[in-house]
Amino acid sequence: MQSVTKLQCALELFCKYHPRAFKILTGENPPPTVKEVSEMLHVAIPKTEIEAIQTSTITREAESMMILSEKFLSVIDQAGGWSHITRIVNEFREISPRNWSIFVDHSLWVDAPLDKAGSRLGGSCLEKLGNKYGVAPGTVTRISKTVPRMIARSVSKTYKAQAEYSW
């Protein structure tokens, strides 16, 4: 269960901070490099947290970012790698296209690291997404929080099953 939680957190972080996250998750773009993951984490993690992770005063911020990048990619590898995650994401998109679309839109407009939450046209992005999909804003939030968990569970289950039955 801990691996599911780690993968869920990694997916949430990835979708919120990587500029090509959804194209990578759907297989339209190749997986990110260690450098790209490092750059993503540099934006996502405050400098004070990076300093807390450092093991000595000699360790530089770049080294800390590389260590964190390797940990992030380790979570992905332990889940079967990018190709396995991409396969499960595409299956999820087929099974539940509306929930996938809500998750993507919520990630891009509500959870975005830049301040996109408000609108000059009146109303919040969350309300607009609710109207777009015909659901309450709270439902948009609930769906956007459950999608990464559902994908992480499915990735974990199918990868464990493949490992058990691959002889």
C-alpha atoms as a PDB file:
ATOM      1  CA  MET A   1       0.000   0.000   0.000  1.00  0.00           C
ATOM      2  CA  GLN A   2       2.902   2.352   0.680  1.00  0.00           C
ATOM      3  CA  SER A   3       4.064   1.935  -2.920  1.00  0.00           C
ATOM      4  CA  VAL A   4       0.599   3.012  -4.138  1.00  0.00           C
ATOM      5  CA  THR A   5       0.765   6.151  -1.991  1.00  0.00           C
ATOM      6  CA  LYS A   6       4.271   6.965  -3.227  1.00  0.00           C
ATOM      7  CA  LEU A   7       3.227   6.493  -6.845  1.00  0.00           C
ATOM      8  CA  GLN A   8       0.087   8.575  -6.309  1.00  0.00           C
ATOM      9  CA  CYS A   9       2.186  11.408  -4.858  1.00  0.00           C
ATOM     10  CA  ALA A  10       4.678  11.117  -7.718  1.00  0.00           C
ATOM     11  CA  LEU A  11       1.881  11.281 -10.309  1.00  0.00           C
ATOM     12  CA  GLU A  12       0.261  14.285  -8.606  1.00  0.00           C
ATOM     13  CA  LEU A  13       3.591  16.105  -8.432  1.00  0.00           C
ATOM     14  CA  PHE A  14       4.402  15.216 -12.028  1.00  0.00           C
ATOM     15  CA  CYS A  15       1.028  16.387 -13.355  1.00  0.00           C
ATOM     16  CA  LYS A  16       1.194  19.640 -11.437  1.00  0.00           C
ATOM     17  CA  TYR A  17       4.762  20.670 -12.262  1.00  0.00           C
ATOM     18  CA  HIS A  18       5.980  19.007 -15.451  1.00  0.00           C
ATOM     19  CA  PRO A  19       5.071  21.004 -18.579  1.00  0.00           C
ATOM     20  CA  ARG A  20       4.580  17.868 -20.728  1.00  0.00           C
ATOM     21  CA  ALA A  21       3.127  15.616 -18.040  1.00  0.00           C
ATOM     22  CA  PHE A  22      -0.047  14.597 -19.835  1.00  0.00           C
ATOM     23  CA  LYS A  23       1.665  14.048 -23.176  1.00  0.00           C
ATOM     24  CA  ILE A  24       4.215  11.830 -21.418  1.00  0.00           C
ATOM     25  CA  LEU A  25       1.572   9.917 -19.470  1.00  0.00           C
ATOM     26  CA  THR A  26      -0.378   9.204 -22.651  1.00  0.00           C
ATOM     27  CA  GLY A  27       2.729   8.200 -24.597  1.00  0.00           C
ATOM     28  CA  GLU A  28       2.660  11.156 -27.014  1.00  0.00           C
ATOM     29  CA  ASN A  29       6.075  12.323 -25.719  1.00  0.00           C
ATOM     30  CA  PRO A  30       9.022  10.287 -24.453  1.00  0.00           C
ATOM     31  CA  PRO A  31       9.597   9.893 -20.699  1.00  0.00           C
ATOM     32  CA  PRO A  32      11.370  12.754 -18.942  1.00  0.00           C
ATOM     33  CA  THR A  33      15.115  12.733 -18.506  1.00  0.00           C
ATOM     34  CA  VAL A  34      16.760  12.914 -15.089  1.00  0.00           C
ATOM     35  CA  LYS A  35      17.579  16.553 -15.867  1.00  0.00           C
ATOM     36  CA  GLU A  36      13.930  17.345 -16.645  1.00  0.00           C
ATOM     37  CA  VAL A  37      12.791  15.672 -13.437  1.00  0.00           C
ATOM     38  CA  SER A  38      15.424  17.641 -11.535  1.00  0.00           C
ATOM     39  CA  GLU A  39      14.186  20.910 -13.064  1.00  0.00           C
ATOM     40  CA  MET A  40      10.598  19.973 -12.233  1.00  0.00           C
ATOM     41  CA  LEU A  41      11.496  19.221  -8.617  1.00  0.00           C
ATOM     42  CA  HIS A  42      13.449  22.462  -8.360  1.00  0.00           C
ATOM     43  CA  VAL A  43      10.219  24.343  -9.084  1.00  0.00           C
ATOM     44  CA  ALA A  44       8.043  22.047  -6.965  1.00  0.00           C
ATOM     45  CA  ILE A  45      10.086  21.822  -3.784  1.00  0.00           C
ATOM     46  CA  PRO A  46      10.896  24.934  -1.753  1.00  0.00           C
ATOM     47  CA  LYS A  47      14.585  25.615  -1.166  1.00  0.00           C
ATOM     48  CA  THR A  48      14.141  25.199   2.619  1.00  0.00           C
ATOM     49  CA  GLU A  49      13.002  21.606   2.083  1.00  0.00           C
ATOM     50  CA  ILE A  50      15.947  20.950  -0.213  1.00  0.00           C
ATOM     51  CA  GLU A  51      18.324  22.230   2.459  1.00  0.00           C
ATOM     52  CA  ALA A  52      16.730  19.884   5.012  1.00  0.00           C
ATOM     53  CA  ILE A  53      17.393  16.945   2.692  1.00  0.00           C
ATOM     54  CA  GLN A  54      21.065  17.771   2.268  1.00  0.00           C
ATOM     55  CA  THR A  55      23.370  15.378   4.052  1.00  0.00           C
ATOM     56  CA  SER A  56      26.224  17.799   4.643  1.00  0.00           C
ATOM     57  CA  THR A  57      27.155  21.409   4.142  1.00  0.00           C
ATOM     58  CA  ILE A  58      29.300  20.358   1.180  1.00  0.00           C
ATOM     59  CA  THR A  59      26.287  18.941  -0.650  1.00  0.00           C
ATOM     60  CA  ARG A  60      25.087  21.447  -3.193  1.00  0.00           C
ATOM     61  CA  GLU A  61      21.532  22.165  -4.224  1.00  0.00           C
ATOM     62  CA  ALA A  62      22.134  20.542  -7.623  1.00  0.00           C
ATOM     63  CA  GLU A  63      23.314  17.334  -5.961  1.00  0.00           C
ATOM     64  CA  SER A  64      20.242  17.361  -3.737  1.00  0.00           C
ATOM     65  CA  MET A  65      18.059  17.767  -6.802  1.00  0.00           C
ATOM     66  CA  MET A  66      19.766  14.823  -8.499  1.00  0.00           C
ATOM     67  CA  ILE A  67      19.221  12.676  -5.398  1.00  0.00           C
ATOM     68  CA  LEU A  68      15.551  13.665  -5.299  1.00  0.00           C
ATOM     69  CA  SER A  69      15.241  13.055  -9.041  1.00  0.00           C
ATOM     70  CA  GLU A  70      16.666   9.577  -8.639  1.00  0.00           C
ATOM     71  CA  LYS A  71      14.214   8.884  -5.788  1.00  0.00           C
ATOM     72  CA  PHE A  72      11.335  10.110  -7.935  1.00  0.00           C
ATOM     73  CA  LEU A  73      12.418   7.940 -10.868  1.00  0.00           C
ATOM     74  CA  SER A  74      12.916   5.008  -8.501  1.00  0.00           C
ATOM     75  CA  VAL A  75       9.223   5.193  -7.567  1.00  0.00           C
ATOM     76  CA  ILE A  76       8.370   5.134 -11.279  1.00  0.00           C
ATOM     77  CA  ASP A  77      10.717   2.177 -11.912  1.00  0.00           C
ATOM     78  CA  GLN A  78       9.314   0.221  -8.956  1.00  0.00           C
ATOM     79  CA  ALA A  79       5.864   0.626 -10.503  1.00  0.00           C
ATOM     80  CA  GLY A  80       6.984  -0.971 -13.767  1.00  0.00           C
ATOM     81  CA  GLY A  81       8.399   2.097 -15.504  1.00  0.00           C
ATOM     82  CA  TRP A  82       6.947   4.748 -17.759  1.00  0.00           C
ATOM     83  CA  SER A  83       5.730   2.291 -20.409  1.00  0.00           C
ATOM     84  CA  HIS A  84       3.635   0.391 -17.870  1.00  0.00           C
ATOM     85  CA  ILE A  85       2.215   3.615 -16.403  1.00  0.00           C
ATOM     86  CA  THR A  86       1.425   4.902 -19.905  1.00  0.00           C
ATOM     87  CA  ARG A  87      -0.445   1.701 -20.737  1.00  0.00           C
ATOM     88  CA  ILE A  88      -2.558   1.963 -17.574  1.00  0.00           C
ATOM     89  CA  VAL A  89      -3.223   5.691 -18.111  1.00  0.00           C
ATOM     90  CA  ASN A  90      -4.454   4.994 -21.646  1.00  0.00           C
ATOM     91  CA  GLU A  91      -6.677   2.170 -20.388  1.00  0.00           C
ATOM     92  CA  PHE A  92      -8.070   4.529 -17.756  1.00  0.00           C
ATOM     93  CA  ARG A  93      -8.713   7.186 -20.428  1.00  0.00           C
ATOM     94  CA  GLU A  94     -10.708   4.647 -22.441  1.00  0.00           C
ATOM     95  CA  ILE A  95     -12.704   3.409 -19.455  1.00  0.00           C
ATOM     96  CA  SER A  96     -13.342   6.809 -17.904  1.00  0.00           C
ATOM     97  CA  PRO A  97     -12.755   9.625 -20.412  1.00  0.00           C
ATOM     98  CA  ARG A  98     -14.833  12.166 -18.495  1.00  0.00           C
ATOM     99  CA  ASN A  99     -12.938  11.639 -15.234  1.00  0.00           C
ATOM    100  CA  TRP A 100      -9.625  11.820 -17.104  1.00  0.00           C
ATOM    101  CA  SER A 101     -10.668  15.095 -18.741  1.00  0.00           C
ATOM    102  CA  ILE A 102     -11.773  16.551 -15.402  1.00  0.00           C
ATOM    103  CA  PHE A 103      -8.442  15.522 -13.855  1.00  0.00           C
ATOM    104  CA  VAL A 104      -6.432  17.075 -16.705  1.00  0.00           C
ATOM    105  CA  ASP A 105      -8.419  20.323 -16.684  1.00  0.00           C
ATOM    106  CA  HIS A 106      -8.248  20.569 -12.886  1.00  0.00           C
ATOM    107  CA  SER A 107      -4.484  20.006 -12.963  1.00  0.00           C
ATOM    108  CA  LEU A 108      -3.977  22.629 -15.659  1.00  0.00           C
ATOM    109  CA  TRP A 109      -6.303  25.339 -14.367  1.00  0.00           C
ATOM    110  CA  VAL A 110      -6.967  24.850 -10.659  1.00  0.00           C
ATOM    111  CA  ASP A 111      -3.854  23.074  -9.330  1.00  0.00           C
ATOM    112  CA  ALA A 112      -1.527  24.948 -11.659  1.00  0.00           C
ATOM    113  CA  PRO A 113       1.642  26.261  -9.987  1.00  0.00           C
ATOM    114  CA  LEU A 114       1.037  29.648 -11.574  1.00  0.00           C
ATOM    115  CA  ASP A 115      -1.828  31.706 -10.242  1.00  0.00           C
ATOM    116  CA  LYS A 116      -4.499  30.653 -12.718  1.00  0.00           C
ATOM    117  CA  ALA A 117      -7.152  29.965 -10.074  1.00  0.00           C
ATOM    118  CA  GLY A 118      -9.049  33.196 -10.601  1.00  0.00           C
ATOM    119  CA  SER A 119     -10.627  34.580 -13.709  1.00  0.00           C
ATOM    120  CA  ARG A 120     -11.273  38.120 -14.892  1.00  0.00           C
ATOM    121  CA  LEU A 121     -14.410  36.871 -16.592  1.00  0.00           C
ATOM    122  CA  GLY A 122     -16.107  36.188 -13.263  1.00  0.00           C
ATOM    123  CA  GLY A 123     -16.186  33.029 -11.204  1.00  0.00           C
ATOM    124  CA  SER A 124     -13.408  30.666 -10.344  1.00  0.00           C
ATOM    125  CA  CYS A 125     -11.878  28.112 -12.668  1.00  0.00           C
ATOM    126  CA  LEU A 126     -13.267  25.415 -10.394  1.00  0.00           C
ATOM    127  CA  GLU A 127     -16.812  26.715 -10.899  1.00  0.00           C
ATOM    128  CA  LYS A 128     -16.249  26.952 -14.647  1.00  0.00           C
ATOM    129  CA  LEU A 129     -15.001  23.370 -14.789  1.00  0.00           C
ATOM    130  CA  GLY A 130     -18.040  22.264 -12.812  1.00  0.00           C
ATOM    131  CA  ASN A 131     -20.273  24.008 -15.337  1.00  0.00           C
ATOM    132  CA  LYS A 132     -18.330  22.545 -18.264  1.00  0.00           C
ATOM    133  CA  TYR A 133     -18.807  18.988 -16.986  1.00  0.00           C
ATOM    134  CA  GLY A 134     -22.252  19.491 -15.432  1.00  0.00           C
ATOM    135  CA  VAL A 135     -21.140  18.724 -11.878  1.00  0.00           C
ATOM    136  CA  ALA A 136     -20.655  20.662  -8.650  1.00  0.00           C
ATOM    137  CA  PRO A 137     -17.227  22.247  -8.061  1.00  0.00           C
ATOM    138  CA  GLY A 138     -16.724  19.871  -5.128  1.00  0.00           C
ATOM    139  CA  THR A 139     -17.230  16.925  -7.475  1.00  0.00           C
ATOM    140  CA  VAL A 140     -14.549  18.297  -9.802  1.00  0.00           C
ATOM    141  CA  THR A 141     -12.141  18.450  -6.847  1.00  0.00           C
ATOM    142  CA  ARG A 142     -13.088  14.960  -5.632  1.00  0.00           C
ATOM    143  CA  ILE A 143     -12.619  13.415  -9.065  1.00  0.00           C
ATOM    144  CA  SER A 144      -9.297  15.185  -9.592  1.00  0.00           C
ATOM    145  CA  LYS A 145      -8.024  13.789  -6.301  1.00  0.00           C
ATOM    146  CA  THR A 146      -9.222  10.230  -6.921  1.00  0.00           C
ATOM    147  CA  VAL A 147      -7.876   9.788 -10.470  1.00  0.00           C
ATOM    148  CA  PRO A 148      -4.159   9.622  -9.508  1.00  0.00           C
ATOM    149  CA  ARG A 149      -5.017   7.163  -6.715  1.00  0.00           C
ATOM    150  CA  MET A 150      -7.040   4.968  -9.075  1.00  0.00           C
ATOM    151  CA  ILE A 151      -4.229   4.965 -11.634  1.00  0.00           C
ATOM    152  CA  ALA A 152      -1.591   4.253  -8.972  1.00  0.00           C
ATOM    153  CA  ARG A 153      -3.623   1.313  -7.621  1.00  0.00           C
ATOM    154  CA  SER A 154      -4.135  -0.124 -11.081  1.00  0.00           C
ATOM    155  CA  VAL A 155      -0.457   0.303 -11.987  1.00  0.00           C
ATOM    156  CA  SER A 156       0.578  -1.411  -8.770  1.00  0.00           C
ATOM    157  CA  LYS A 157      -1.886  -4.290  -9.091  1.00  0.00           C
ATOM    158  CA  THR A 158      -1.121  -5.035 -12.735  1.00  0.00           C
ATOM    159  CA  TYR A 159       2.643  -4.789 -12.243  1.00  0.00           C
ATOM    160  CA  LYS A 160       2.545  -7.176  -9.270  1.00  0.00           C
ATOM    161  CA  ALA A 161       0.367  -9.561 -11.267  1.00  0.00           C
ATOM    162  CA  GLN A 162       2.771  -9.445 -14.216  1.00  0.00           C
ATOM    163  CA  ALA A 163       5.712 -10.129 -11.919  1.00  0.00           C
ATOM    164  CA  GLU A 164       3.953 -13.081 -10.285  1.00  0.00           C
ATOM    165  CA  TYR A 165       2.899 -14.676 -13.563  1.00  0.00           C
ATOM    166  CA  SER A 166       5.853 -13.944 -15.812  1.00  0.00           C
ATOM    167  CA  TRP A 167       7.810 -17.176 -16.000  1.00  0.00           C
END
